[in-house]
Amino acid sequence: MTTTAAQIRSFAKANSPFTPQACMAHIGVSGDAFWGSFKDFINRCEIIRGKDGFEYSTDYVKPKRGYMYVQVTKAMRISGTFTADDITMLTMADKSYVHRLIKEYMTGELIKETGKRPVVGRKGSYVTVYRVIQSDRLRELCK
């Protein structure tokens, strides 16, 4: 089942210009659920008022990621060689968020796994060490 927002978006892209009533009839949701989502589209300028009704904006660009994304990426770039725990301590980010970004950057070949390091105070435990490969591309992501 798709969300109301996804249904509005697909209808708006396919049927431009349109009226809100036509969109609501096509989707088949109640007025409150529809109008709440529709107003969100208008507020973020994803749907704009045109000459003959509403249109999906071809100029709409999804906003960039937030503050913590920039901080974590910058900490990785400046550290050069790091563990997930190092970045978590530097940025106060959630550890799962740091691991998700590491995985994303590894698939994009921005960083790579360089080895393992023993954990202090935990005999037999190791943490993965990562190294930045493409610092310039990481810098572009922070802008």
N, C-alpha and C. Protein backbone atom coordinates (compact mmCIF):
# COMPACT_ATOMS: atom_id res chain seq x y z
N MET A 1 0.84 -1.18 0.00
CA MET A 1 0.00 0.00 0.00
C MET A 1 0.89 1.25 0.00
N THR A 2 0.62 2.16 -0.93
CA THR A 2 1.40 3.38 -1.01
C THR A 2 0.77 4.47 -0.14
N THR A 3 1.59 5.41 0.24
CA THR A 3 1.11 6.49 1.10
C THR A 3 0.31 7.50 0.29
N THR A 4 -0.42 8.34 1.00
CA THR A 4 -1.19 9.39 0.34
C THR A 4 -0.27 10.32 -0.42
N ALA A 5 0.86 10.66 0.17
CA ALA A 5 1.82 11.56 -0.48
C ALA A 5 2.33 10.95 -1.79
N ALA A 6 2.65 9.67 -1.79
CA ALA A 6 3.14 9.01 -3.00
C ALA A 6 2.06 8.99 -4.08
N GLN A 7 0.82 8.79 -3.69
CA GLN A 7 -0.28 8.78 -4.65
C GLN A 7 -0.50 10.18 -5.23
N ILE A 8 -0.43 11.20 -4.38
CA ILE A 8 -0.59 12.58 -4.86
C ILE A 8 0.54 12.91 -5.83
N ARG A 9 1.77 12.54 -5.48
CA ARG A 9 2.92 12.84 -6.32
C ARG A 9 2.79 12.18 -7.69
N SER A 10 2.42 10.90 -7.72
CA SER A 10 2.29 10.22 -9.01
C SER A 10 1.15 10.79 -9.84
N PHE A 11 0.03 11.15 -9.20
CA PHE A 11 -1.08 11.76 -9.92
C PHE A 11 -0.68 13.12 -10.48
N ALA A 12 0.01 13.92 -9.69
CA ALA A 12 0.40 15.26 -10.10
C ALA A 12 1.39 15.22 -11.27
N LYS A 13 2.32 14.26 -11.25
CA LYS A 13 3.28 14.15 -12.34
C LYS A 13 2.60 13.73 -13.64
N ALA A 14 1.60 12.85 -13.54
CA ALA A 14 0.94 12.32 -14.72
C ALA A 14 -0.15 13.24 -15.27
N ASN A 15 -0.81 14.01 -14.43
CA ASN A 15 -1.99 14.79 -14.84
C ASN A 15 -1.80 16.27 -14.56
N SER A 16 -0.89 16.90 -15.23
CA SER A 16 -0.65 18.31 -14.98
C SER A 16 -1.22 19.13 -16.11
N PRO A 17 -1.99 20.16 -15.91
CA PRO A 17 -2.54 20.69 -14.67
C PRO A 17 -3.74 19.88 -14.18
N PHE A 18 -4.05 20.03 -12.90
CA PHE A 18 -5.15 19.28 -12.30
C PHE A 18 -5.80 20.11 -11.21
N THR A 19 -6.95 19.65 -10.75
CA THR A 19 -7.62 20.30 -9.62
C THR A 19 -7.47 19.39 -8.40
N PRO A 20 -7.47 19.96 -7.22
CA PRO A 20 -7.35 19.12 -6.02
C PRO A 20 -8.51 18.13 -5.90
N GLN A 21 -9.69 18.54 -6.34
CA GLN A 21 -10.85 17.65 -6.26
C GLN A 21 -10.67 16.43 -7.17
N ALA A 22 -10.12 16.63 -8.36
CA ALA A 22 -9.87 15.51 -9.27
C ALA A 22 -8.84 14.56 -8.67
N CYS A 23 -7.83 15.12 -8.05
CA CYS A 23 -6.79 14.30 -7.41
C CYS A 23 -7.38 13.50 -6.26
N MET A 24 -8.20 14.15 -5.44
CA MET A 24 -8.82 13.48 -4.29
C MET A 24 -9.74 12.35 -4.76
N ALA A 25 -10.51 12.59 -5.83
CA ALA A 25 -11.40 11.56 -6.37
C ALA A 25 -10.61 10.38 -6.93
N HIS A 26 -9.50 10.67 -7.58
CA HIS A 26 -8.68 9.60 -8.16
C HIS A 26 -8.03 8.73 -7.09
N ILE A 27 -7.55 9.38 -6.03
CA ILE A 27 -6.87 8.65 -4.96
C ILE A 27 -7.87 7.90 -4.09
N GLY A 28 -9.00 8.55 -3.79
CA GLY A 28 -10.04 7.90 -3.00
C GLY A 28 -9.77 7.91 -1.50
N VAL A 29 -9.24 9.02 -0.99
CA VAL A 29 -9.02 9.15 0.46
C VAL A 29 -9.95 10.22 1.01
N SER A 30 -10.08 10.27 2.33
CA SER A 30 -10.94 11.25 2.96
C SER A 30 -10.34 12.65 2.84
N GLY A 31 -11.15 13.66 3.06
CA GLY A 31 -10.73 15.04 2.90
C GLY A 31 -9.59 15.45 3.79
N ASP A 32 -9.64 15.10 5.08
CA ASP A 32 -8.59 15.52 6.03
C ASP A 32 -7.23 14.94 5.67
N ALA A 33 -7.20 13.65 5.35
CA ALA A 33 -5.93 13.02 5.01
C ALA A 33 -5.36 13.62 3.72
N PHE A 34 -6.22 13.89 2.77
CA PHE A 34 -5.76 14.45 1.51
C PHE A 34 -5.26 15.88 1.68
N TRP A 35 -6.05 16.72 2.33
CA TRP A 35 -5.69 18.14 2.44
C TRP A 35 -4.43 18.36 3.27
N GLY A 36 -4.22 17.55 4.27
CA GLY A 36 -2.98 17.66 5.05
C GLY A 36 -1.75 17.42 4.18
N SER A 37 -1.80 16.35 3.39
CA SER A 37 -0.67 16.04 2.51
C SER A 37 -0.55 17.06 1.38
N PHE A 38 -1.68 17.47 0.83
CA PHE A 38 -1.67 18.41 -0.29
C PHE A 38 -1.07 19.76 0.14
N LYS A 39 -1.40 20.21 1.34
CA LYS A 39 -0.84 21.47 1.84
C LYS A 39 0.67 21.36 2.04
N ASP A 40 1.15 20.18 2.47
CA ASP A 40 2.59 19.97 2.60
C ASP A 40 3.29 20.12 1.25
N PHE A 41 2.67 19.56 0.19
CA PHE A 41 3.24 19.68 -1.15
C PHE A 41 3.32 21.14 -1.57
N ILE A 42 2.28 21.91 -1.27
CA ILE A 42 2.25 23.32 -1.64
C ILE A 42 3.29 24.11 -0.83
N ASN A 43 3.40 23.83 0.48
CA ASN A 43 4.34 24.54 1.34
C ASN A 43 5.79 24.34 0.92
N ARG A 44 6.14 23.16 0.45
CA ARG A 44 7.52 22.93 0.02
C ARG A 44 7.70 23.16 -1.48
N CYS A 45 6.66 23.74 -2.12
CA CYS A 45 6.70 24.14 -3.54
C CYS A 45 6.91 22.96 -4.48
N GLU A 46 6.47 21.78 -4.07
CA GLU A 46 6.54 20.63 -4.95
C GLU A 46 5.36 20.66 -5.93
N ILE A 47 4.24 21.21 -5.47
CA ILE A 47 3.08 21.47 -6.33
C ILE A 47 2.85 22.97 -6.31
N ILE A 48 2.71 23.54 -7.50
CA ILE A 48 2.52 24.99 -7.61
C ILE A 48 1.21 25.29 -8.33
N ARG A 49 0.70 26.49 -8.10
CA ARG A 49 -0.53 26.92 -8.77
C ARG A 49 -0.15 27.46 -10.15
N GLY A 50 -0.76 26.88 -11.17
CA GLY A 50 -0.51 27.31 -12.54
C GLY A 50 -1.69 28.09 -13.09
N LYS A 51 -1.70 28.32 -14.41
CA LYS A 51 -2.77 29.06 -15.06
C LYS A 51 -4.10 28.31 -15.02
N ASP A 52 -4.04 27.01 -15.27
CA ASP A 52 -5.26 26.20 -15.39
C ASP A 52 -5.51 25.31 -14.18
N GLY A 53 -4.80 25.49 -13.11
CA GLY A 53 -4.95 24.66 -11.92
C GLY A 53 -3.60 24.44 -11.28
N PHE A 54 -3.46 23.33 -10.60
CA PHE A 54 -2.20 23.01 -9.94
C PHE A 54 -1.33 22.15 -10.85
N GLU A 55 -0.01 22.32 -10.72
CA GLU A 55 0.95 21.58 -11.53
C GLU A 55 2.07 21.06 -10.64
N TYR A 56 2.66 19.96 -11.06
CA TYR A 56 3.84 19.45 -10.36
C TYR A 56 5.03 20.27 -10.82
N SER A 57 5.81 20.79 -9.89
CA SER A 57 6.94 21.66 -10.22
C SER A 57 8.10 20.84 -10.77
N THR A 58 8.53 21.19 -11.98
CA THR A 58 9.68 20.50 -12.57
C THR A 58 10.98 20.99 -11.96
N ASP A 59 10.93 22.14 -11.27
CA ASP A 59 12.13 22.71 -10.64
C ASP A 59 12.35 22.21 -9.22
N TYR A 60 11.43 21.40 -8.72
CA TYR A 60 11.53 20.96 -7.32
C TYR A 60 12.76 20.06 -7.15
N VAL A 61 13.55 20.37 -6.13
CA VAL A 61 14.72 19.57 -5.78
C VAL A 61 14.57 19.18 -4.32
N LYS A 62 14.72 17.89 -4.06
CA LYS A 62 14.62 17.41 -2.68
C LYS A 62 15.73 18.07 -1.85
N PRO A 63 15.40 18.56 -0.64
CA PRO A 63 16.41 19.24 0.17
C PRO A 63 17.58 18.34 0.53
N LYS A 64 18.73 18.98 0.74
CA LYS A 64 19.93 18.23 1.13
C LYS A 64 19.77 17.66 2.53
N ARG A 65 20.67 16.77 2.86
CA ARG A 65 20.63 16.15 4.17
C ARG A 65 20.95 17.17 5.27
N GLY A 66 20.68 16.77 6.49
CA GLY A 66 20.77 17.69 7.61
C GLY A 66 22.15 17.92 8.18
N TYR A 67 22.15 18.60 9.29
CA TYR A 67 23.35 19.04 9.98
C TYR A 67 24.24 17.86 10.39
N MET A 68 23.65 16.82 10.95
CA MET A 68 24.45 15.70 11.46
C MET A 68 25.17 14.98 10.31
N TYR A 69 24.54 14.90 9.16
CA TYR A 69 25.16 14.29 7.99
C TYR A 69 26.46 15.03 7.63
N VAL A 70 26.40 16.35 7.64
CA VAL A 70 27.57 17.16 7.31
C VAL A 70 28.66 16.96 8.37
N GLN A 71 28.27 16.93 9.64
CA GLN A 71 29.25 16.78 10.71
C GLN A 71 29.96 15.42 10.65
N VAL A 72 29.19 14.36 10.43
CA VAL A 72 29.77 13.01 10.37
C VAL A 72 30.69 12.89 9.17
N THR A 73 30.25 13.38 8.02
CA THR A 73 31.06 13.30 6.80
C THR A 73 32.35 14.10 6.95
N LYS A 74 32.26 15.27 7.54
CA LYS A 74 33.45 16.10 7.75
C LYS A 74 34.42 15.42 8.73
N ALA A 75 33.89 14.81 9.77
CA ALA A 75 34.75 14.11 10.74
C ALA A 75 35.48 12.95 10.08
N MET A 76 34.80 12.22 9.21
CA MET A 76 35.44 11.11 8.49
C MET A 76 36.55 11.65 7.59
N ARG A 77 36.26 12.71 6.86
CA ARG A 77 37.22 13.27 5.91
C ARG A 77 38.46 13.79 6.63
N ILE A 78 38.27 14.49 7.73
CA ILE A 78 39.40 15.08 8.45
C ILE A 78 40.22 14.00 9.17
N SER A 79 39.54 12.98 9.69
CA SER A 79 40.25 11.92 10.42
C SER A 79 41.16 11.11 9.50
N GLY A 80 40.72 10.85 8.30
CA GLY A 80 41.52 10.06 7.38
C GLY A 80 41.38 8.57 7.64
N THR A 81 41.89 8.11 8.77
CA THR A 81 41.73 6.73 9.20
C THR A 81 40.96 6.75 10.51
N PHE A 82 39.90 5.95 10.60
CA PHE A 82 38.99 6.05 11.73
C PHE A 82 38.23 4.75 11.95
N THR A 83 37.60 4.65 13.13
CA THR A 83 36.64 3.60 13.42
C THR A 83 35.27 4.28 13.60
N ALA A 84 34.23 3.49 13.59
CA ALA A 84 32.89 4.04 13.79
C ALA A 84 32.78 4.67 15.18
N ASP A 85 33.45 4.07 16.16
CA ASP A 85 33.43 4.62 17.52
C ASP A 85 34.10 5.99 17.58
N ASP A 86 35.19 6.16 16.83
CA ASP A 86 35.88 7.46 16.79
C ASP A 86 34.93 8.55 16.29
N ILE A 87 34.22 8.27 15.22
CA ILE A 87 33.32 9.26 14.63
C ILE A 87 32.14 9.52 15.56
N THR A 88 31.66 8.47 16.22
CA THR A 88 30.56 8.63 17.17
C THR A 88 30.97 9.54 18.32
N MET A 89 32.18 9.36 18.82
CA MET A 89 32.66 10.21 19.92
C MET A 89 32.89 11.65 19.48
N LEU A 90 33.40 11.85 18.27
CA LEU A 90 33.67 13.20 17.78
C LEU A 90 32.40 14.00 17.50
N THR A 91 31.37 13.34 16.97
CA THR A 91 30.18 14.06 16.50
C THR A 91 28.96 13.91 17.39
N MET A 92 28.99 13.00 18.34
CA MET A 92 27.84 12.70 19.20
C MET A 92 26.66 12.16 18.38
N ALA A 93 26.95 11.61 17.21
CA ALA A 93 25.91 11.01 16.36
C ALA A 93 25.57 9.62 16.88
N ASP A 94 24.40 9.14 16.53
CA ASP A 94 24.00 7.79 16.88
C ASP A 94 24.89 6.80 16.13
N LYS A 95 25.30 5.75 16.80
CA LYS A 95 26.23 4.79 16.21
C LYS A 95 25.64 4.11 14.97
N SER A 96 24.32 3.84 15.00
CA SER A 96 23.70 3.20 13.84
C SER A 96 23.71 4.13 12.63
N TYR A 97 23.58 5.44 12.86
CA TYR A 97 23.64 6.42 11.77
C TYR A 97 25.04 6.45 11.16
N VAL A 98 26.06 6.41 12.00
CA VAL A 98 27.44 6.40 11.51
C VAL A 98 27.70 5.15 10.69
N HIS A 99 27.23 4.00 11.18
CA HIS A 99 27.42 2.74 10.44
C HIS A 99 26.69 2.78 9.10
N ARG A 100 25.50 3.40 9.06
CA ARG A 100 24.74 3.50 7.81
C ARG A 100 25.51 4.35 6.79
N LEU A 101 26.09 5.47 7.24
CA LEU A 101 26.87 6.31 6.33
C LEU A 101 28.14 5.60 5.87
N ILE A 102 28.78 4.86 6.77
CA ILE A 102 29.97 4.09 6.38
C ILE A 102 29.62 3.10 5.29
N LYS A 103 28.53 2.40 5.46
CA LYS A 103 28.09 1.42 4.45
C LYS A 103 27.80 2.11 3.12
N GLU A 104 27.13 3.27 3.18
CA GLU A 104 26.81 4.03 1.96
C GLU A 104 28.09 4.48 1.26
N TYR A 105 29.05 4.97 2.02
CA TYR A 105 30.29 5.45 1.43
C TYR A 105 31.17 4.32 0.91
N MET A 106 31.08 3.16 1.53
CA MET A 106 31.84 2.01 1.04
C MET A 106 31.29 1.54 -0.31
N THR A 107 29.97 1.55 -0.47
CA THR A 107 29.41 1.15 -1.76
C THR A 107 29.73 2.19 -2.83
N GLY A 108 29.86 3.45 -2.45
CA GLY A 108 30.24 4.50 -3.37
C GLY A 108 31.74 4.61 -3.57
N GLU A 109 32.51 3.73 -2.92
CA GLU A 109 33.96 3.68 -2.99
C GLU A 109 34.63 4.99 -2.59
N LEU A 110 34.07 5.62 -1.55
CA LEU A 110 34.68 6.82 -0.99
C LEU A 110 35.60 6.47 0.16
N ILE A 111 35.27 5.40 0.88
CA ILE A 111 36.12 4.90 1.96
C ILE A 111 36.27 3.39 1.78
N LYS A 112 37.27 2.82 2.43
CA LYS A 112 37.41 1.37 2.38
C LYS A 112 37.89 0.85 3.73
N GLU A 113 37.61 -0.41 3.95
CA GLU A 113 38.01 -1.08 5.19
C GLU A 113 39.48 -1.43 5.07
N THR A 114 40.27 -1.02 6.09
CA THR A 114 41.72 -1.27 6.02
C THR A 114 42.19 -2.35 6.97
N GLY A 115 41.37 -2.73 7.93
CA GLY A 115 41.78 -3.78 8.84
C GLY A 115 40.99 -3.75 10.13
N LYS A 116 41.55 -4.42 11.15
CA LYS A 116 40.90 -4.48 12.46
C LYS A 116 41.90 -4.02 13.51
N ARG A 117 41.35 -3.47 14.60
CA ARG A 117 42.17 -3.00 15.70
C ARG A 117 41.58 -3.57 16.99
N PRO A 118 42.44 -4.02 17.93
CA PRO A 118 41.90 -4.57 19.17
C PRO A 118 41.22 -3.49 20.02
N VAL A 119 40.16 -3.89 20.71
CA VAL A 119 39.44 -2.98 21.60
C VAL A 119 40.13 -3.01 22.96
N VAL A 120 40.41 -1.83 23.50
CA VAL A 120 41.08 -1.72 24.78
C VAL A 120 40.14 -2.21 25.88
N GLY A 121 40.63 -3.11 26.72
CA GLY A 121 39.86 -3.60 27.85
C GLY A 121 38.93 -4.76 27.52
N ARG A 122 38.87 -5.18 26.29
CA ARG A 122 38.01 -6.31 25.90
C ARG A 122 38.85 -7.30 25.12
N LYS A 123 39.40 -8.26 25.81
CA LYS A 123 40.31 -9.23 25.22
C LYS A 123 39.58 -10.03 24.13
N GLY A 124 40.17 -10.09 22.96
CA GLY A 124 39.61 -10.86 21.86
C GLY A 124 38.60 -10.10 21.01
N SER A 125 38.31 -8.84 21.36
CA SER A 125 37.37 -8.04 20.58
C SER A 125 38.13 -7.10 19.65
N TYR A 126 37.59 -6.92 18.46
CA TYR A 126 38.22 -6.07 17.47
C TYR A 126 37.18 -5.14 16.84
N VAL A 127 37.63 -3.95 16.43
CA VAL A 127 36.77 -3.02 15.69
C VAL A 127 37.38 -2.81 14.31
N THR A 128 36.53 -2.51 13.35
CA THR A 128 36.97 -2.31 11.98
C THR A 128 37.52 -0.89 11.81
N VAL A 129 38.63 -0.81 11.10
CA VAL A 129 39.25 0.48 10.82
C VAL A 129 39.00 0.81 9.35
N TYR A 130 38.60 2.06 9.09
CA TYR A 130 38.30 2.51 7.73
C TYR A 130 39.27 3.62 7.35
N ARG A 131 39.46 3.79 6.02
CA ARG A 131 40.33 4.84 5.51
C ARG A 131 39.62 5.56 4.38
N VAL A 132 39.74 6.88 4.36
CA VAL A 132 39.14 7.69 3.30
C VAL A 132 39.98 7.53 2.04
N ILE A 133 39.31 7.21 0.93
CA ILE A 133 40.00 7.06 -0.35
C ILE A 133 39.87 8.34 -1.18
N GLN A 134 38.65 8.89 -1.24
CA GLN A 134 38.40 10.05 -2.09
C GLN A 134 37.94 11.23 -1.23
N SER A 135 38.89 11.93 -0.70
CA SER A 135 38.60 13.06 0.19
C SER A 135 37.88 14.19 -0.53
N ASP A 136 38.22 14.41 -1.80
CA ASP A 136 37.58 15.50 -2.55
C ASP A 136 36.08 15.25 -2.74
N ARG A 137 35.72 14.03 -3.02
CA ARG A 137 34.29 13.72 -3.19
C ARG A 137 33.55 13.83 -1.86
N LEU A 138 34.20 13.48 -0.75
CA LEU A 138 33.57 13.66 0.56
C LEU A 138 33.38 15.14 0.86
N ARG A 139 34.32 15.96 0.45
CA ARG A 139 34.21 17.41 0.66
C ARG A 139 33.00 17.95 -0.11
N GLU A 140 32.79 17.47 -1.32
CA GLU A 140 31.64 17.92 -2.12
C GLU A 140 30.32 17.54 -1.47
N LEU A 141 30.28 16.41 -0.77
CA LEU A 141 29.06 15.99 -0.10
C LEU A 141 28.71 16.89 1.07
N CYS A 142 29.71 17.56 1.64
CA CYS A 142 29.48 18.44 2.79
C CYS A 142 28.94 19.79 2.39
N LYS A 143 28.97 20.14 1.14
CA LYS A 143 28.51 21.47 0.70
C LYS A 143 27.02 21.54 0.65
